[in-house]
Amino acid sequence: MKVSWVLLVLSLQSGIPSRAQSPGTPSLTQITGVVQSFSGNILDIKPATAPAVWVTIPVDLQVDRNALKPGVAVSATAHWAEVCYVANQVTIQK
């Protein structure tokens, strides 16, 4: 009986797409919205029609970090890296 449950779970999971990507250039995602918060190197962006997204900003990425305040409109190009998005570019909308 337990074996049939294991087989059922495995067969259901086989249809779930994996986040694993082939080696090489990571796929980029455009995230546009308003800043909810910025602390350390974590930028919390709230798109207009989606839940908030956390984006890690690498230390060496050139961004006006003083301008990243709640309510400011931003756009980030980022890639998925195991557990979070990592920004390749952050643009503050004017």
Protein backbone atom coordinates (compact mmCIF):
# COMPACT_ATOMS: atom_id res chain seq x y z
CA MET A 1 0.00 0.00 0.00
CA LYS A 2 2.81 2.45 0.89
CA VAL A 3 4.56 1.70 -2.40
CA SER A 4 1.48 2.72 -4.39
CA TRP A 5 1.34 6.07 -2.53
CA VAL A 6 5.00 6.72 -3.28
CA LEU A 7 4.45 5.91 -6.96
CA LEU A 8 1.41 8.20 -7.05
CA VAL A 9 3.36 11.12 -5.52
CA LEU A 10 6.28 10.57 -7.89
CA SER A 11 4.00 10.45 -10.93
CA LEU A 12 2.29 13.69 -9.87
CA GLN A 13 5.62 15.45 -9.33
CA SER A 14 6.89 14.45 -12.75
CA GLY A 15 4.47 16.99 -14.30
CA ILE A 16 5.75 19.88 -12.17
CA PRO A 17 8.27 22.02 -14.08
CA SER A 18 11.67 22.32 -12.50
CA ARG A 19 13.39 25.65 -11.80
CA ALA A 20 16.73 24.13 -12.67
CA GLN A 21 18.32 25.74 -15.69
CA SER A 22 20.97 24.50 -18.00
CA PRO A 23 24.44 25.96 -17.48
CA GLY A 24 25.15 29.20 -19.28
CA THR A 25 23.40 32.54 -19.32
CA PRO A 26 20.51 32.65 -16.84
CA SER A 27 17.06 33.68 -18.02
CA LEU A 28 16.30 37.31 -17.11
CA THR A 29 13.01 38.55 -15.67
CA GLN A 30 11.75 42.14 -15.72
CA ILE A 31 10.21 43.19 -12.38
CA THR A 32 8.47 46.59 -12.34
CA GLY A 33 6.63 48.15 -9.42
CA VAL A 34 7.07 50.32 -6.35
CA VAL A 35 9.54 49.88 -3.52
CA GLN A 36 7.94 48.53 -0.37
CA SER A 37 11.20 48.38 1.55
CA PHE A 38 14.96 48.28 1.11
CA SER A 39 17.19 46.85 3.83
CA GLY A 40 20.79 45.73 3.52
CA ASN A 41 20.88 44.36 0.00
CA ILE A 42 17.26 43.14 -0.20
CA LEU A 43 14.85 45.22 -2.28
CA ASP A 44 11.13 44.46 -1.82
CA ILE A 45 9.26 45.42 -5.02
CA LYS A 46 5.45 45.37 -5.28
CA PRO A 47 4.27 45.01 -8.90
CA ALA A 48 0.83 46.48 -9.66
CA THR A 49 -0.85 43.13 -10.37
CA ALA A 50 1.24 40.59 -8.46
CA PRO A 51 2.49 39.81 -4.95
CA ALA A 52 5.64 41.56 -3.72
CA VAL A 53 8.99 40.18 -4.89
CA TRP A 54 12.30 40.22 -3.02
CA VAL A 55 15.32 41.03 -5.15
CA THR A 56 18.90 40.80 -3.88
CA ILE A 57 21.09 43.65 -5.09
CA PRO A 58 24.74 42.59 -5.39
CA VAL A 59 27.20 44.84 -3.55
CA ASP A 60 29.06 45.67 -6.78
CA LEU A 61 25.91 46.66 -8.75
CA GLN A 62 25.83 50.42 -9.41
CA VAL A 63 22.53 51.67 -7.96
CA ASP A 64 21.59 54.90 -6.14
CA ARG A 65 20.72 53.04 -2.95
CA ASN A 66 19.72 56.29 -1.18
CA ALA A 67 16.90 56.72 -3.72
CA LEU A 68 15.37 53.29 -2.96
CA LYS A 69 12.66 54.48 -0.57
CA PRO A 70 9.09 53.19 -0.08
CA GLY A 71 6.74 54.34 -2.84
CA VAL A 72 9.45 54.97 -5.45
CA ALA A 73 8.77 53.34 -8.83
CA VAL A 74 11.54 50.96 -9.93
CA SER A 75 12.29 48.42 -12.59
CA ALA A 76 14.71 45.54 -12.05
CA THR A 77 16.16 43.05 -14.48
CA ALA A 78 16.98 39.95 -12.46
CA HIS A 79 17.68 36.24 -12.72
CA TRP A 80 16.58 33.42 -10.43
CA ALA A 81 19.49 32.05 -8.37
CA GLU A 82 18.47 28.98 -6.35
CA VAL A 83 16.35 30.71 -3.67
CA CYS A 84 15.81 34.33 -4.76
CA TYR A 85 16.02 36.83 -7.59
CA VAL A 86 19.38 38.57 -8.05
CA ALA A 87 19.39 41.94 -9.83
CA ASN A 88 21.49 42.51 -12.92
CA GLN A 89 20.18 46.07 -13.25
CA VAL A 90 17.92 48.37 -11.19
CA THR A 91 16.39 51.50 -12.72
CA ILE A 92 14.64 54.17 -10.67
CA GLN A 93 11.66 55.51 -12.63
CA LYS A 94 11.32 59.29 -12.82
